[in-house]
Amino acid sequence: MAAERGVIAMRRFGVIVAFGALLGMLGGMLTASPAVAGRGPKWQLIPARPFTLPAEFCGFKVRVAFPVHKQYLKVLKSSNGTVITLATGPARMSFTNRNTGTTITRSVSGPGKGTVFPDGSFLGALKGHSASFLPPDLAQRFGLPTVSVTAGALTARFDPDGHLTSLSLRGHVLIDVCAALS
């Protein structure tokens, strides 16, 4: 049950913040595969598939692709039921305005850490360069762009029901993707 809550919480977090290869945001399209030589035991490669953000995010559809993606994850379980997921590895994400064809590409290598607590609450912590996707209401609530690449520590907390309770950025927005593609 704790593992199932962990998966649900990871998916909810993924809807808000791109974590590694956008865990969960792709609605289950990502499946971990065995690690390749060089990363080590218990690390799994996270394949990533391109997807299109609806126009609600930027005022136009945005195609998101992964020209470089060698992100890995490792799941750690503690005896008290806490599940920690680590994500690391090189990644670049491209964003394309579907109307104009304008494309920008940025590093989103993270790393990231997700913690699902026994009560089902979730803490997601990203560092380095990370992609962030926020529905317009949450972007306004937290004072961040709907689609951006950030630098620094981005932390999100969710209650056991999956509601975002806090989001903070100790760093800065490198690029407001929607503005750059407009």
N, C-alpha and C. Protein backbone atom coordinates (compact mmCIF):
# COMPACT_ATOMS: atom_id res chain seq x y z
N MET A 1 0.82 -1.19 0.00
CA MET A 1 0.00 0.00 0.00
C MET A 1 0.87 1.26 0.00
N ALA A 2 1.93 1.26 0.80
CA ALA A 2 2.82 2.43 0.85
C ALA A 2 3.49 2.63 -0.50
N ALA A 3 3.87 1.54 -1.16
CA ALA A 3 4.51 1.67 -2.48
C ALA A 3 3.52 2.23 -3.49
N GLU A 4 2.24 1.79 -3.42
CA GLU A 4 1.23 2.30 -4.33
C GLU A 4 1.00 3.79 -4.09
N ARG A 5 0.93 4.21 -2.83
CA ARG A 5 0.80 5.63 -2.51
C ARG A 5 2.00 6.39 -3.02
N GLY A 6 3.17 5.75 -2.96
CA GLY A 6 4.39 6.38 -3.46
C GLY A 6 4.31 6.66 -4.94
N VAL A 7 3.79 5.70 -5.68
CA VAL A 7 3.66 5.87 -7.13
C VAL A 7 2.66 6.99 -7.42
N ILE A 8 1.55 7.02 -6.72
CA ILE A 8 0.54 8.06 -6.93
C ILE A 8 1.12 9.43 -6.61
N ALA A 9 1.83 9.54 -5.50
CA ALA A 9 2.42 10.82 -5.13
C ALA A 9 3.46 11.26 -6.15
N MET A 10 4.26 10.32 -6.65
CA MET A 10 5.25 10.68 -7.66
C MET A 10 4.56 11.21 -8.92
N ARG A 11 3.46 10.61 -9.30
CA ARG A 11 2.74 11.08 -10.48
C ARG A 11 2.20 12.48 -10.25
N ARG A 12 1.66 12.73 -9.06
CA ARG A 12 1.14 14.06 -8.76
C ARG A 12 2.25 15.10 -8.81
N PHE A 13 3.39 14.76 -8.23
CA PHE A 13 4.53 15.67 -8.25
C PHE A 13 4.96 15.93 -9.69
N GLY A 14 4.97 14.88 -10.49
CA GLY A 14 5.39 15.02 -11.88
C GLY A 14 4.50 15.95 -12.68
N VAL A 15 3.22 16.04 -12.31
CA VAL A 15 2.31 16.95 -13.00
C VAL A 15 2.73 18.39 -12.74
N ILE A 16 3.31 18.66 -11.59
CA ILE A 16 3.68 20.01 -11.22
C ILE A 16 5.10 20.35 -11.65
N VAL A 17 6.02 19.48 -11.40
CA VAL A 17 7.43 19.78 -11.66
C VAL A 17 8.06 18.64 -12.44
N ALA A 18 8.77 18.97 -13.46
CA ALA A 18 9.48 17.93 -14.21
C ALA A 18 10.59 17.40 -13.33
N PHE A 19 10.59 16.13 -13.06
CA PHE A 19 11.55 15.51 -12.18
C PHE A 19 12.28 14.47 -13.00
N GLY A 20 13.54 14.71 -13.19
CA GLY A 20 14.30 13.78 -14.02
C GLY A 20 13.72 13.79 -15.42
N ALA A 21 13.09 12.73 -15.81
CA ALA A 21 12.49 12.62 -17.14
C ALA A 21 11.00 12.81 -17.09
N LEU A 22 10.56 13.71 -16.23
CA LEU A 22 9.14 14.01 -16.09
C LEU A 22 8.36 12.80 -15.61
N LEU A 23 8.81 12.23 -14.52
CA LEU A 23 8.14 11.06 -13.96
C LEU A 23 6.67 11.35 -13.75
N GLY A 24 5.88 10.48 -14.22
CA GLY A 24 4.45 10.60 -13.99
C GLY A 24 3.76 11.56 -14.93
N MET A 25 4.39 12.66 -15.30
CA MET A 25 3.71 13.63 -16.14
C MET A 25 3.31 13.02 -17.47
N LEU A 26 4.05 12.04 -17.89
CA LEU A 26 3.75 11.41 -19.16
C LEU A 26 2.70 10.33 -18.99
N GLY A 27 2.04 10.34 -17.83
CA GLY A 27 0.90 9.47 -17.61
C GLY A 27 1.19 7.99 -17.75
N GLY A 28 2.34 7.58 -17.23
CA GLY A 28 2.66 6.17 -17.28
C GLY A 28 3.35 5.74 -18.56
N MET A 29 3.69 6.69 -19.44
CA MET A 29 4.39 6.31 -20.67
C MET A 29 5.84 5.96 -20.40
N LEU A 30 6.35 6.36 -19.24
CA LEU A 30 7.73 6.02 -18.90
C LEU A 30 7.75 4.69 -18.18
N THR A 31 8.65 3.85 -18.56
CA THR A 31 8.84 2.61 -17.83
C THR A 31 10.33 2.45 -17.61
N ALA A 32 10.69 2.11 -16.42
CA ALA A 32 12.11 1.95 -16.12
C ALA A 32 12.62 0.68 -16.77
N SER A 33 13.87 0.73 -17.20
CA SER A 33 14.50 -0.45 -17.79
C SER A 33 15.77 -0.73 -17.02
N PRO A 34 16.32 -1.91 -17.16
CA PRO A 34 17.51 -2.23 -16.40
C PRO A 34 18.64 -1.24 -16.67
N ALA A 35 19.43 -0.99 -15.63
CA ALA A 35 20.54 -0.06 -15.76
C ALA A 35 21.56 -0.59 -16.75
N VAL A 36 22.22 0.33 -17.42
CA VAL A 36 23.28 -0.07 -18.32
C VAL A 36 24.60 0.03 -17.57
N ALA A 37 25.61 -0.63 -18.08
CA ALA A 37 26.91 -0.62 -17.43
C ALA A 37 27.37 0.81 -17.21
N GLY A 38 27.97 1.05 -16.07
CA GLY A 38 28.50 2.37 -15.78
C GLY A 38 27.72 3.12 -14.73
N ARG A 39 26.42 2.90 -14.59
CA ARG A 39 25.62 3.61 -13.60
C ARG A 39 25.63 2.86 -12.27
N GLY A 40 25.69 1.57 -12.31
CA GLY A 40 25.76 0.81 -11.08
C GLY A 40 24.49 0.05 -10.80
N PRO A 41 24.54 -0.83 -9.79
CA PRO A 41 23.37 -1.65 -9.47
C PRO A 41 22.22 -0.82 -8.92
N LYS A 42 21.03 -1.29 -9.17
CA LYS A 42 19.78 -0.72 -8.69
C LYS A 42 19.40 0.60 -9.35
N TRP A 43 20.21 1.12 -10.25
CA TRP A 43 19.84 2.31 -11.00
C TRP A 43 19.13 1.87 -12.27
N GLN A 44 18.04 2.53 -12.62
CA GLN A 44 17.27 2.17 -13.81
C GLN A 44 17.20 3.37 -14.76
N LEU A 45 17.43 3.11 -16.03
CA LEU A 45 17.31 4.13 -17.05
C LEU A 45 15.84 4.50 -17.20
N ILE A 46 15.56 5.78 -17.30
CA ILE A 46 14.19 6.26 -17.47
C ILE A 46 14.02 6.73 -18.92
N PRO A 47 13.40 5.94 -19.78
CA PRO A 47 13.17 6.41 -21.13
C PRO A 47 12.18 7.58 -21.12
N ALA A 48 12.34 8.51 -22.03
CA ALA A 48 11.42 9.65 -22.09
C ALA A 48 10.89 9.78 -23.50
N ARG A 49 9.61 10.05 -23.62
CA ARG A 49 8.97 10.22 -24.92
C ARG A 49 8.53 11.67 -25.08
N PRO A 50 8.61 12.19 -26.28
CA PRO A 50 8.11 13.56 -26.51
C PRO A 50 6.62 13.64 -26.21
N PHE A 51 6.17 14.83 -25.84
CA PHE A 51 4.76 15.07 -25.58
C PHE A 51 4.45 16.52 -25.93
N THR A 52 3.18 16.85 -26.00
CA THR A 52 2.75 18.21 -26.31
C THR A 52 1.95 18.76 -25.15
N LEU A 53 2.38 19.94 -24.67
CA LEU A 53 1.62 20.64 -23.64
C LEU A 53 0.43 21.32 -24.29
N PRO A 54 -0.73 21.30 -23.65
CA PRO A 54 -1.88 22.00 -24.22
C PRO A 54 -1.67 23.52 -24.21
N ALA A 55 -2.44 24.22 -25.02
CA ALA A 55 -2.32 25.67 -25.15
C ALA A 55 -2.59 26.42 -23.84
N GLU A 56 -3.23 25.79 -22.88
CA GLU A 56 -3.51 26.45 -21.60
C GLU A 56 -2.22 26.89 -20.88
N PHE A 57 -1.12 26.22 -21.15
CA PHE A 57 0.13 26.57 -20.47
C PHE A 57 0.75 27.85 -21.01
N CYS A 58 0.81 28.01 -22.34
CA CYS A 58 1.52 29.14 -22.95
C CYS A 58 0.67 30.01 -23.87
N GLY A 59 -0.56 29.60 -24.13
CA GLY A 59 -1.35 30.31 -25.12
C GLY A 59 -1.20 29.69 -26.49
N PHE A 60 -0.35 28.70 -26.61
CA PHE A 60 -0.12 27.92 -27.82
C PHE A 60 0.43 26.57 -27.38
N LYS A 61 0.28 25.57 -28.23
CA LYS A 61 0.78 24.24 -27.89
C LYS A 61 2.31 24.23 -27.94
N VAL A 62 2.91 23.50 -27.01
CA VAL A 62 4.37 23.38 -26.95
C VAL A 62 4.74 21.90 -27.00
N ARG A 63 5.55 21.57 -27.97
CA ARG A 63 6.08 20.20 -28.09
C ARG A 63 7.33 20.11 -27.22
N VAL A 64 7.39 19.12 -26.36
CA VAL A 64 8.53 18.91 -25.48
C VAL A 64 9.20 17.61 -25.89
N ALA A 65 10.50 17.68 -26.16
CA ALA A 65 11.25 16.49 -26.58
C ALA A 65 12.55 16.43 -25.80
N PHE A 66 13.24 15.31 -25.92
CA PHE A 66 14.44 15.03 -25.14
C PHE A 66 15.59 14.67 -26.07
N PRO A 67 16.29 15.66 -26.65
CA PRO A 67 17.39 15.34 -27.55
C PRO A 67 18.55 14.61 -26.86
N VAL A 68 18.72 14.85 -25.57
CA VAL A 68 19.69 14.11 -24.76
C VAL A 68 18.94 13.65 -23.52
N HIS A 69 18.95 12.35 -23.26
CA HIS A 69 18.28 11.87 -22.06
C HIS A 69 18.93 10.60 -21.55
N LYS A 70 19.73 10.75 -20.54
CA LYS A 70 20.37 9.61 -19.89
C LYS A 70 20.13 9.71 -18.39
N GLN A 71 18.87 9.91 -18.03
CA GLN A 71 18.46 10.02 -16.64
C GLN A 71 18.23 8.62 -16.06
N TYR A 72 18.66 8.46 -14.83
CA TYR A 72 18.50 7.20 -14.11
C TYR A 72 17.78 7.47 -12.81
N LEU A 73 17.09 6.45 -12.31
CA LEU A 73 16.47 6.56 -10.99
C LEU A 73 16.82 5.35 -10.15
N LYS A 74 16.75 5.59 -8.86
CA LYS A 74 16.99 4.54 -7.88
C LYS A 74 15.94 4.72 -6.79
N VAL A 75 15.29 3.63 -6.40
CA VAL A 75 14.27 3.67 -5.36
C VAL A 75 14.82 3.02 -4.10
N LEU A 76 14.71 3.75 -3.00
CA LEU A 76 15.17 3.28 -1.70
C LEU A 76 13.97 3.20 -0.76
N LYS A 77 13.85 2.10 -0.04
CA LYS A 77 12.72 1.93 0.88
C LYS A 77 13.26 1.75 2.29
N SER A 78 12.63 2.46 3.24
CA SER A 78 13.06 2.32 4.63
C SER A 78 12.09 1.42 5.38
N SER A 79 12.50 1.00 6.55
CA SER A 79 11.68 0.08 7.35
C SER A 79 10.40 0.75 7.86
N ASN A 80 10.37 2.09 7.94
CA ASN A 80 9.16 2.77 8.44
C ASN A 80 8.16 3.05 7.33
N GLY A 81 8.45 2.63 6.09
CA GLY A 81 7.53 2.82 4.99
C GLY A 81 7.84 4.02 4.10
N THR A 82 8.83 4.80 4.44
CA THR A 82 9.22 5.93 3.60
C THR A 82 9.90 5.40 2.34
N VAL A 83 9.54 5.99 1.20
CA VAL A 83 10.12 5.60 -0.09
C VAL A 83 10.81 6.82 -0.68
N ILE A 84 12.08 6.68 -0.98
CA ILE A 84 12.86 7.77 -1.56
C ILE A 84 13.25 7.37 -2.97
N THR A 85 13.02 8.27 -3.91
CA THR A 85 13.41 8.05 -5.29
C THR A 85 14.44 9.11 -5.67
N LEU A 86 15.58 8.67 -6.15
CA LEU A 86 16.64 9.57 -6.60
C LEU A 86 16.68 9.55 -8.12
N ALA A 87 16.91 10.71 -8.73
CA ALA A 87 17.04 10.79 -10.19
C ALA A 87 18.26 11.63 -10.52
N THR A 88 19.05 11.17 -11.46
CA THR A 88 20.26 11.88 -11.84
C THR A 88 20.66 11.49 -13.25
N GLY A 89 21.51 12.29 -13.84
CA GLY A 89 22.03 11.99 -15.17
C GLY A 89 21.81 13.14 -16.13
N PRO A 90 22.59 13.16 -17.20
CA PRO A 90 22.48 14.25 -18.17
C PRO A 90 21.16 14.22 -18.95
N ALA A 91 20.60 15.41 -19.15
CA ALA A 91 19.37 15.53 -19.93
C ALA A 91 19.27 16.93 -20.51
N ARG A 92 18.79 16.99 -21.73
CA ARG A 92 18.47 18.26 -22.38
C ARG A 92 17.05 18.14 -22.89
N MET A 93 16.31 19.21 -22.74
CA MET A 93 14.91 19.22 -23.14
C MET A 93 14.74 20.33 -24.18
N SER A 94 14.01 20.01 -25.25
CA SER A 94 13.70 21.03 -26.25
C SER A 94 12.21 21.37 -26.16
N PHE A 95 11.93 22.64 -26.38
CA PHE A 95 10.56 23.17 -26.34
C PHE A 95 10.30 23.82 -27.70
N THR A 96 9.22 23.43 -28.37
CA THR A 96 8.92 23.97 -29.69
C THR A 96 7.51 24.54 -29.71
N ASN A 97 7.41 25.81 -30.14
CA ASN A 97 6.12 26.45 -30.36
C ASN A 97 5.50 25.77 -31.58
N ARG A 98 4.37 25.09 -31.40
CA ARG A 98 3.75 24.33 -32.50
C ARG A 98 3.22 25.24 -33.60
N ASN A 99 2.99 26.53 -33.29
CA ASN A 99 2.48 27.46 -34.31
C ASN A 99 3.60 28.01 -35.19
N THR A 100 4.74 28.35 -34.58
CA THR A 100 5.81 29.03 -35.31
C THR A 100 6.99 28.14 -35.67
N GLY A 101 7.13 27.02 -34.96
CA GLY A 101 8.27 26.14 -35.17
C GLY A 101 9.52 26.57 -34.41
N THR A 102 9.44 27.68 -33.68
CA THR A 102 10.58 28.16 -32.89
C THR A 102 10.89 27.14 -31.80
N THR A 103 12.17 26.80 -31.65
CA THR A 103 12.61 25.81 -30.67
C THR A 103 13.73 26.36 -29.82
N ILE A 104 13.68 26.05 -28.53
CA ILE A 104 14.80 26.31 -27.62
C ILE A 104 15.13 25.01 -26.91
N THR A 105 16.39 24.82 -26.58
CA THR A 105 16.84 23.60 -25.90
C THR A 105 17.67 24.01 -24.70
N ARG A 106 17.42 23.36 -23.57
CA ARG A 106 18.13 23.68 -22.34
C ARG A 106 18.47 22.40 -21.57
N SER A 107 19.51 22.47 -20.76
CA SER A 107 19.88 21.39 -19.85
C SER A 107 18.85 21.32 -18.73
N VAL A 108 18.42 20.12 -18.40
CA VAL A 108 17.51 19.88 -17.27
C VAL A 108 18.00 18.66 -16.49
N SER A 109 19.28 18.64 -16.19
CA SER A 109 19.91 17.46 -15.60
C SER A 109 19.67 17.28 -14.11
N GLY A 110 19.08 18.25 -13.46
CA GLY A 110 18.78 18.06 -12.04
C GLY A 110 20.02 18.08 -11.18
N PRO A 111 20.13 17.22 -10.21
CA PRO A 111 19.39 16.00 -9.86
C PRO A 111 18.10 16.27 -9.08
N GLY A 112 17.36 15.19 -8.80
CA GLY A 112 16.13 15.32 -8.05
C GLY A 112 15.97 14.20 -7.04
N LYS A 113 15.14 14.49 -6.04
CA LYS A 113 14.86 13.52 -4.98
C LYS A 113 13.39 13.64 -4.59
N GLY A 114 12.69 12.52 -4.58
CA GLY A 114 11.30 12.49 -4.14
C GLY A 114 11.17 11.60 -2.93
N THR A 115 10.45 12.08 -1.92
CA THR A 115 10.25 11.30 -0.70
C THR A 115 8.76 11.15 -0.43
N VAL A 116 8.30 9.91 -0.38
CA VAL A 116 6.92 9.61 -0.03
C VAL A 116 6.94 9.08 1.40
N PHE A 117 6.22 9.78 2.26
CA PHE A 117 6.18 9.41 3.68
C PHE A 117 5.08 8.39 3.94
N PRO A 118 5.14 7.67 5.06
CA PRO A 118 4.15 6.62 5.34
C PRO A 118 2.70 7.10 5.30
N ASP A 119 2.45 8.38 5.61
CA ASP A 119 1.08 8.90 5.57
C ASP A 119 0.62 9.25 4.16
N GLY A 120 1.51 9.09 3.16
CA GLY A 120 1.16 9.38 1.78
C GLY A 120 1.54 10.78 1.33
N SER A 121 2.01 11.63 2.26
CA SER A 121 2.46 12.96 1.84
C SER A 121 3.76 12.82 1.08
N PHE A 122 4.10 13.86 0.33
CA PHE A 122 5.22 13.78 -0.59
C PHE A 122 6.04 15.07 -0.56
N LEU A 123 7.35 14.92 -0.62
CA LEU A 123 8.28 16.04 -0.73
C LEU A 123 9.15 15.80 -1.94
N GLY A 124 9.13 16.74 -2.88
CA GLY A 124 9.97 16.66 -4.06
C GLY A 124 11.00 17.76 -4.01
N ALA A 125 12.25 17.43 -4.24
CA ALA A 125 13.33 18.42 -4.19
C ALA A 125 14.21 18.28 -5.43
N LEU A 126 14.29 19.35 -6.20
CA LEU A 126 15.12 19.39 -7.39
C LEU A 126 16.26 20.37 -7.15
N LYS A 127 17.40 20.08 -7.71
CA LYS A 127 18.54 20.99 -7.62
C LYS A 127 19.12 21.15 -9.02
N GLY A 128 19.99 22.12 -9.18
CA GLY A 128 20.61 22.32 -10.48
C GLY A 128 19.61 22.89 -11.46
N HIS A 129 19.72 22.48 -12.71
CA HIS A 129 18.81 22.94 -13.76
C HIS A 129 17.67 21.95 -13.90
N SER A 130 16.45 22.45 -13.80
CA SER A 130 15.27 21.59 -13.85
C SER A 130 14.16 22.27 -14.63
N ALA A 131 13.32 21.48 -15.28
CA ALA A 131 12.14 22.02 -15.96
C ALA A 131 10.98 22.04 -14.99
N SER A 132 10.17 23.07 -15.09
CA SER A 132 9.00 23.23 -14.23
C SER A 132 7.78 23.47 -15.08
N PHE A 133 6.72 22.73 -14.82
CA PHE A 133 5.45 22.88 -15.52
C PHE A 133 4.37 23.12 -14.48
N LEU A 134 3.74 24.27 -14.52
CA LEU A 134 2.69 24.61 -13.56
C LEU A 134 1.43 25.02 -14.30
N PRO A 135 0.29 24.46 -13.93
CA PRO A 135 -0.96 24.97 -14.49
C PRO A 135 -1.06 26.47 -14.16
N PRO A 136 -1.74 27.25 -15.00
CA PRO A 136 -1.78 28.70 -14.80
C PRO A 136 -2.18 29.15 -13.39
N ASP A 137 -3.16 28.49 -12.77
CA ASP A 137 -3.58 28.91 -11.43
C ASP A 137 -2.46 28.72 -10.41
N LEU A 138 -1.71 27.63 -10.51
CA LEU A 138 -0.61 27.40 -9.57
C LEU A 138 0.59 28.30 -9.89
N ALA A 139 0.83 28.57 -11.16
CA ALA A 139 1.90 29.48 -11.53
C ALA A 139 1.65 30.85 -10.92
N GLN A 140 0.41 31.32 -11.01
CA GLN A 140 0.06 32.61 -10.43
C GLN A 140 0.18 32.57 -8.90
N ARG A 141 -0.31 31.51 -8.31
CA ARG A 141 -0.27 31.37 -6.84
C ARG A 141 1.16 31.41 -6.30
N PHE A 142 2.10 30.79 -7.02
CA PHE A 142 3.47 30.71 -6.53
C PHE A 142 4.43 31.70 -7.20
N GLY A 143 3.92 32.52 -8.11
CA GLY A 143 4.73 33.56 -8.72
C GLY A 143 5.82 33.04 -9.65
N LEU A 144 5.53 31.94 -10.34
CA LEU A 144 6.48 31.37 -11.29
C LEU A 144 5.82 31.26 -12.66
N PRO A 145 6.63 31.18 -13.74
CA PRO A 145 6.05 30.97 -15.07
C PRO A 145 5.38 29.60 -15.14
N THR A 146 4.48 29.44 -16.10
CA THR A 146 3.82 28.14 -16.27
C THR A 146 4.81 27.10 -16.75
N VAL A 147 5.71 27.48 -17.65
CA VAL A 147 6.73 26.56 -18.15
C VAL A 147 8.07 27.28 -18.07
N SER A 148 9.01 26.68 -17.35
CA SER A 148 10.30 27.35 -17.18
C SER A 148 11.41 26.34 -16.96
N VAL A 149 12.63 26.82 -17.06
CA VAL A 149 13.79 26.08 -16.63
C VAL A 149 14.38 26.89 -15.49
N THR A 150 14.59 26.23 -14.36
CA THR A 150 15.08 26.91 -13.17
C THR A 150 16.48 26.43 -12.81
N ALA A 151 17.15 27.24 -12.00
CA ALA A 151 18.45 26.87 -11.44
C ALA A 151 18.36 27.05 -9.94
N GLY A 152 18.89 26.08 -9.19
CA GLY A 152 18.84 26.16 -7.74
C GLY A 152 17.97 25.07 -7.17
N ALA A 153 17.49 25.30 -5.97
CA ALA A 153 16.67 24.31 -5.26
C ALA A 153 15.19 24.63 -5.44
N LEU A 154 14.47 23.72 -6.03
CA LEU A 154 13.03 23.83 -6.21
C LEU A 154 12.39 22.73 -5.37
N THR A 155 11.56 23.11 -4.42
CA THR A 155 10.98 22.16 -3.48
C THR A 155 9.46 22.24 -3.50
N ALA A 156 8.80 21.10 -3.58
CA ALA A 156 7.34 21.04 -3.58
C ALA A 156 6.88 20.05 -2.52
N ARG A 157 5.84 20.43 -1.79
CA ARG A 157 5.24 19.56 -0.77
C ARG A 157 3.78 19.30 -1.12
N PHE A 158 3.38 18.03 -0.93
CA PHE A 158 2.00 17.62 -1.18
C PHE A 158 1.45 16.94 0.05
N ASP A 159 0.16 17.18 0.32
CA ASP A 159 -0.48 16.48 1.42
C ASP A 159 -0.81 15.06 0.97
N PRO A 160 -1.30 14.20 1.88
CA PRO A 160 -1.60 12.81 1.51
C PRO A 160 -2.65 12.66 0.41
N ASP A 161 -3.47 13.70 0.19
CA ASP A 161 -4.48 13.65 -0.87
C ASP A 161 -3.95 14.13 -2.21
N GLY A 162 -2.67 14.51 -2.25
CA GLY A 162 -2.05 14.95 -3.50
C GLY A 162 -2.17 16.42 -3.79
N HIS A 163 -2.65 17.21 -2.83
CA HIS A 163 -2.77 18.65 -3.04
C HIS A 163 -1.44 19.33 -2.76
N LEU A 164 -1.02 20.20 -3.67
CA LEU A 164 0.20 20.96 -3.49
C LEU A 164 0.01 21.95 -2.35
N THR A 165 0.83 21.85 -1.30
CA THR A 165 0.71 22.74 -0.15
C THR A 165 1.76 23.83 -0.14
N SER A 166 2.91 23.58 -0.75
CA SER A 166 3.92 24.63 -0.84
C SER A 166 4.85 24.35 -2.01
N LEU A 167 5.40 25.43 -2.54
CA LEU A 167 6.36 25.35 -3.63
C LEU A 167 7.32 26.51 -3.45
N SER A 168 8.60 26.21 -3.40
CA SER A 168 9.57 27.30 -3.24
C SER A 168 10.76 27.09 -4.16
N LEU A 169 11.29 28.20 -4.61
CA LEU A 169 12.48 28.19 -5.46
C LEU A 169 13.54 29.02 -4.76
N ARG A 170 14.62 28.35 -4.36
CA ARG A 170 15.79 29.04 -3.81
C ARG A 170 16.83 29.02 -4.92
N GLY A 171 16.70 29.96 -5.79
CA GLY A 171 17.51 30.06 -6.99
C GLY A 171 16.84 31.06 -7.89
N HIS A 172 16.78 30.77 -9.18
CA HIS A 172 16.13 31.70 -10.10
C HIS A 172 15.64 30.98 -11.35
N VAL A 173 14.77 31.67 -12.06
CA VAL A 173 14.26 31.17 -13.33
C VAL A 173 15.30 31.50 -14.40
N LEU A 174 15.83 30.48 -15.04
CA LEU A 174 16.79 30.69 -16.13
C LEU A 174 16.08 31.18 -17.38
N ILE A 175 14.93 30.58 -17.66
CA ILE A 175 14.18 30.97 -18.86
C ILE A 175 12.69 30.70 -18.66
N ASP A 176 11.90 31.72 -18.99
CA ASP A 176 10.45 31.57 -19.07
C ASP A 176 10.19 31.06 -20.48
N VAL A 177 9.92 29.79 -20.60
CA VAL A 177 9.81 29.13 -21.90
C VAL A 177 8.71 29.75 -22.76
N CYS A 178 7.57 30.02 -22.20
CA CYS A 178 6.47 30.59 -22.98
C CYS A 178 6.85 31.95 -23.55
N ALA A 179 7.45 32.81 -22.74
CA ALA A 179 7.87 34.13 -23.21
C ALA A 179 8.94 34.00 -24.31
N ALA A 180 9.87 33.06 -24.12
CA ALA A 180 10.93 32.89 -25.11
C ALA A 180 10.42 32.35 -26.44
N LEU A 181 9.34 31.60 -26.40
CA LEU A 181 8.79 31.02 -27.64
C LEU A 181 7.73 31.89 -28.28
N SER A 182 7.30 32.94 -27.60
CA SER A 182 6.23 33.82 -28.13
C SER A 182 6.71 34.63 -29.31
